[in-house]
N, C-alpha and C. Protein backbone atom coordinates (compact mmCIF):
# COMPACT_ATOMS: atom_id res chain seq x y z
N MET A 1 17.57 -2.86 -3.40
CA MET A 1 18.61 -2.27 -4.22
C MET A 1 18.90 -3.24 -5.37
N ASP A 2 18.82 -2.73 -6.56
CA ASP A 2 19.08 -3.59 -7.71
C ASP A 2 20.57 -3.60 -8.06
N TRP A 3 20.96 -4.46 -8.96
CA TRP A 3 22.39 -4.64 -9.29
C TRP A 3 22.97 -3.42 -10.00
N GLN A 4 22.16 -2.64 -10.71
CA GLN A 4 22.67 -1.44 -11.41
C GLN A 4 23.09 -0.37 -10.40
N THR A 5 22.31 -0.20 -9.36
CA THR A 5 22.67 0.76 -8.31
C THR A 5 23.94 0.31 -7.60
N LEU A 6 24.02 -0.97 -7.31
CA LEU A 6 25.21 -1.51 -6.65
C LEU A 6 26.45 -1.30 -7.52
N MET A 7 26.33 -1.55 -8.82
CA MET A 7 27.46 -1.34 -9.73
C MET A 7 27.84 0.14 -9.81
N ALA A 8 26.86 1.05 -9.76
CA ALA A 8 27.15 2.48 -9.78
C ALA A 8 27.92 2.88 -8.52
N TYR A 9 27.52 2.35 -7.35
CA TYR A 9 28.24 2.64 -6.11
C TYR A 9 29.67 2.10 -6.17
N LEU A 10 29.83 0.90 -6.64
CA LEU A 10 31.17 0.31 -6.74
C LEU A 10 32.05 1.09 -7.73
N PHE A 11 31.45 1.53 -8.83
CA PHE A 11 32.19 2.32 -9.80
C PHE A 11 32.61 3.66 -9.18
N GLY A 12 31.71 4.29 -8.42
CA GLY A 12 32.03 5.55 -7.74
C GLY A 12 33.14 5.37 -6.71
N LEU A 13 33.07 4.30 -5.94
CA LEU A 13 34.13 4.02 -4.96
C LEU A 13 35.46 3.76 -5.66
N GLY A 14 35.41 3.07 -6.79
CA GLY A 14 36.63 2.83 -7.56
C GLY A 14 37.24 4.13 -8.07
N LEU A 15 36.40 5.06 -8.52
CA LEU A 15 36.89 6.37 -8.98
C LEU A 15 37.51 7.17 -7.84
N ILE A 16 36.88 7.12 -6.67
CA ILE A 16 37.44 7.84 -5.51
C ILE A 16 38.79 7.25 -5.14
N TYR A 17 38.89 5.92 -5.13
CA TYR A 17 40.17 5.26 -4.82
C TYR A 17 41.24 5.65 -5.84
N LEU A 18 40.89 5.66 -7.11
CA LEU A 18 41.83 6.01 -8.16
C LEU A 18 42.29 7.47 -8.02
N PHE A 19 41.37 8.36 -7.71
CA PHE A 19 41.69 9.77 -7.53
C PHE A 19 42.65 9.97 -6.37
N ILE A 20 42.40 9.30 -5.25
CA ILE A 20 43.29 9.41 -4.08
C ILE A 20 44.65 8.82 -4.41
N TRP A 21 44.70 7.70 -5.11
CA TRP A 21 45.97 7.05 -5.45
C TRP A 21 46.80 7.94 -6.38
N ILE A 22 46.15 8.60 -7.32
CA ILE A 22 46.85 9.49 -8.25
C ILE A 22 47.43 10.69 -7.53
N LEU A 23 46.73 11.24 -6.55
CA LEU A 23 47.20 12.42 -5.84
C LEU A 23 48.19 12.10 -4.72
N TYR A 24 48.21 10.88 -4.22
CA TYR A 24 49.05 10.54 -3.08
C TYR A 24 50.54 10.59 -3.41
N TYR A 25 50.95 10.00 -4.50
CA TYR A 25 52.37 9.91 -4.79
C TYR A 25 53.01 11.25 -5.12
N PRO A 26 52.40 12.13 -5.92
CA PRO A 26 53.01 13.45 -6.10
C PRO A 26 53.06 14.25 -4.80
N LEU A 27 52.06 14.10 -3.95
CA LEU A 27 52.06 14.80 -2.68
C LEU A 27 53.19 14.28 -1.79
N LYS A 28 53.41 12.98 -1.80
CA LYS A 28 54.50 12.38 -1.03
C LYS A 28 55.85 12.89 -1.53
N TRP A 29 56.02 12.96 -2.85
CA TRP A 29 57.28 13.44 -3.43
C TRP A 29 57.48 14.92 -3.11
N THR A 30 56.44 15.73 -3.22
CA THR A 30 56.54 17.15 -2.93
C THR A 30 56.90 17.39 -1.47
N THR A 31 56.31 16.63 -0.58
CA THR A 31 56.63 16.77 0.85
C THR A 31 58.09 16.43 1.11
N LYS A 32 58.59 15.39 0.47
CA LYS A 32 59.99 15.01 0.66
C LYS A 32 60.93 16.10 0.15
N VAL A 33 60.61 16.69 -0.99
CA VAL A 33 61.44 17.77 -1.54
C VAL A 33 61.42 18.98 -0.61
N LEU A 34 60.26 19.34 -0.11
CA LEU A 34 60.17 20.49 0.79
C LEU A 34 60.94 20.25 2.08
N LEU A 35 60.88 19.06 2.62
CA LEU A 35 61.65 18.75 3.83
C LEU A 35 63.15 18.81 3.56
N ASN A 36 63.58 18.35 2.39
CA ASN A 36 64.99 18.43 2.04
C ASN A 36 65.44 19.88 1.89
N VAL A 37 64.60 20.73 1.33
CA VAL A 37 64.95 22.14 1.19
C VAL A 37 65.07 22.79 2.56
N VAL A 38 64.15 22.50 3.46
CA VAL A 38 64.24 23.06 4.83
C VAL A 38 65.51 22.56 5.51
N PHE A 39 65.83 21.29 5.34
CA PHE A 39 67.07 20.74 5.91
C PHE A 39 68.29 21.45 5.32
N GLY A 40 68.27 21.71 4.03
CA GLY A 40 69.38 22.42 3.38
C GLY A 40 69.53 23.84 3.89
N ILE A 41 68.42 24.52 4.09
CA ILE A 41 68.47 25.90 4.61
C ILE A 41 69.05 25.92 6.02
N ILE A 42 68.66 24.96 6.83
CA ILE A 42 69.19 24.90 8.20
C ILE A 42 70.70 24.65 8.17
N ILE A 43 71.15 23.71 7.34
CA ILE A 43 72.58 23.44 7.25
C ILE A 43 73.35 24.67 6.76
N LEU A 44 72.82 25.35 5.74
CA LEU A 44 73.49 26.55 5.24
C LEU A 44 73.52 27.65 6.28
N PHE A 45 72.46 27.78 7.04
CA PHE A 45 72.43 28.81 8.09
C PHE A 45 73.49 28.52 9.15
N VAL A 46 73.58 27.27 9.59
CA VAL A 46 74.60 26.90 10.58
C VAL A 46 76.00 27.09 9.99
N LEU A 47 76.19 26.71 8.74
CA LEU A 47 77.49 26.91 8.09
C LEU A 47 77.85 28.38 8.00
N ASN A 48 76.89 29.23 7.70
CA ASN A 48 77.16 30.67 7.63
C ASN A 48 77.45 31.25 9.01
N MET A 49 76.79 30.74 10.05
CA MET A 49 77.09 31.22 11.40
C MET A 49 78.52 30.85 11.80
N ILE A 50 78.94 29.65 11.46
CA ILE A 50 80.31 29.24 11.76
C ILE A 50 81.29 29.95 10.83
N GLY A 51 80.91 30.12 9.57
CA GLY A 51 81.77 30.75 8.58
C GLY A 51 81.98 32.24 8.83
N ASN A 52 81.14 32.89 9.61
CA ASN A 52 81.34 34.31 9.93
C ASN A 52 82.65 34.54 10.67
N PHE A 53 83.10 33.57 11.43
CA PHE A 53 84.35 33.72 12.17
C PHE A 53 85.56 33.76 11.25
N ILE A 54 85.48 33.09 10.10
CA ILE A 54 86.60 33.09 9.16
C ILE A 54 86.27 33.87 7.89
N LYS A 55 85.19 34.65 7.93
CA LYS A 55 84.76 35.50 6.81
C LYS A 55 84.48 34.69 5.54
N TYR A 56 83.78 33.57 5.69
CA TYR A 56 83.40 32.74 4.55
C TYR A 56 81.93 32.37 4.69
N THR A 57 81.12 32.77 3.73
CA THR A 57 79.71 32.45 3.76
C THR A 57 79.25 31.93 2.39
N LEU A 58 78.19 31.19 2.41
CA LEU A 58 77.53 30.74 1.18
C LEU A 58 76.14 31.36 1.14
N PRO A 59 75.69 31.78 -0.03
CA PRO A 59 74.35 32.37 -0.10
C PRO A 59 73.27 31.33 0.19
N ILE A 60 72.21 31.79 0.81
CA ILE A 60 71.07 30.91 1.07
C ILE A 60 69.98 31.28 0.08
N ASN A 61 69.77 30.42 -0.90
CA ASN A 61 68.69 30.59 -1.87
C ASN A 61 68.14 29.21 -2.23
N VAL A 62 67.20 29.16 -3.13
CA VAL A 62 66.53 27.91 -3.45
C VAL A 62 67.50 26.89 -4.05
N VAL A 63 68.39 27.36 -4.92
CA VAL A 63 69.31 26.43 -5.59
C VAL A 63 70.28 25.82 -4.60
N THR A 64 70.90 26.65 -3.76
CA THR A 64 71.85 26.11 -2.79
C THR A 64 71.15 25.23 -1.77
N ALA A 65 69.94 25.59 -1.37
CA ALA A 65 69.19 24.76 -0.42
C ALA A 65 68.83 23.42 -1.04
N LEU A 66 68.46 23.40 -2.32
CA LEU A 66 68.17 22.13 -2.99
C LEU A 66 69.41 21.26 -3.11
N VAL A 67 70.55 21.87 -3.46
CA VAL A 67 71.79 21.10 -3.59
C VAL A 67 72.16 20.47 -2.25
N VAL A 68 72.12 21.26 -1.18
CA VAL A 68 72.47 20.72 0.14
C VAL A 68 71.41 19.75 0.63
N GLY A 69 70.14 20.03 0.34
CA GLY A 69 69.07 19.15 0.78
C GLY A 69 69.13 17.78 0.12
N PHE A 70 69.45 17.74 -1.17
CA PHE A 70 69.51 16.46 -1.88
C PHE A 70 70.83 15.73 -1.64
N LEU A 71 71.93 16.46 -1.60
CA LEU A 71 73.23 15.79 -1.52
C LEU A 71 73.79 15.73 -0.10
N GLY A 72 73.30 16.56 0.81
CA GLY A 72 73.79 16.55 2.19
C GLY A 72 75.17 17.19 2.28
N ILE A 73 76.05 16.57 3.06
CA ILE A 73 77.41 17.09 3.27
C ILE A 73 78.20 17.17 1.96
N PRO A 74 78.12 16.18 1.06
CA PRO A 74 78.80 16.35 -0.23
C PRO A 74 78.29 17.56 -1.01
N GLY A 75 77.04 17.92 -0.82
CA GLY A 75 76.49 19.12 -1.45
C GLY A 75 77.13 20.38 -0.92
N VAL A 76 77.38 20.42 0.38
CA VAL A 76 78.07 21.57 0.99
C VAL A 76 79.47 21.67 0.43
N VAL A 77 80.17 20.55 0.36
CA VAL A 77 81.53 20.54 -0.19
C VAL A 77 81.51 20.98 -1.65
N LEU A 78 80.52 20.51 -2.41
CA LEU A 78 80.38 20.92 -3.81
C LEU A 78 80.19 22.43 -3.93
N LEU A 79 79.36 23.01 -3.10
CA LEU A 79 79.14 24.47 -3.15
C LEU A 79 80.39 25.24 -2.76
N ILE A 80 81.13 24.74 -1.78
CA ILE A 80 82.38 25.41 -1.39
C ILE A 80 83.39 25.34 -2.52
N VAL A 81 83.50 24.20 -3.18
CA VAL A 81 84.44 24.05 -4.30
C VAL A 81 84.02 24.95 -5.46
N ILE A 82 82.74 24.99 -5.76
CA ILE A 82 82.27 25.84 -6.84
C ILE A 82 82.54 27.30 -6.53
N LYS A 83 82.29 27.73 -5.31
CA LYS A 83 82.54 29.13 -4.94
C LYS A 83 84.04 29.44 -5.00
N TYR A 84 84.86 28.49 -4.58
CA TYR A 84 86.31 28.71 -4.58
C TYR A 84 86.85 28.85 -6.00
N PHE A 85 86.39 28.01 -6.93
CA PHE A 85 86.92 28.05 -8.29
C PHE A 85 86.28 29.12 -9.16
N ILE A 86 85.04 29.45 -8.94
CA ILE A 86 84.38 30.44 -9.79
C ILE A 86 84.63 31.85 -9.25
N LEU A 87 84.56 32.04 -7.97
CA LEU A 87 84.76 33.38 -7.42
C LEU A 87 86.13 33.44 -6.87
């Protein structure tokens, strides 16, 4: 094996590493966002089940799930305050 073939293999391995590195971080961020949205939907569902007893519910959609998923309990309070003042 001559040095040109070796350099071609090393260059190819470097490109594969670069490609995987470029795709890893957006995939990691997307997975985190999706998990937060699922967490937000679960919290809103439980809140709506409890809120049925006092006739108070929050809609479950992408925006409310993102707010609750990113902010957690303060997000729920924010949605309740927004619903109270706007509606």
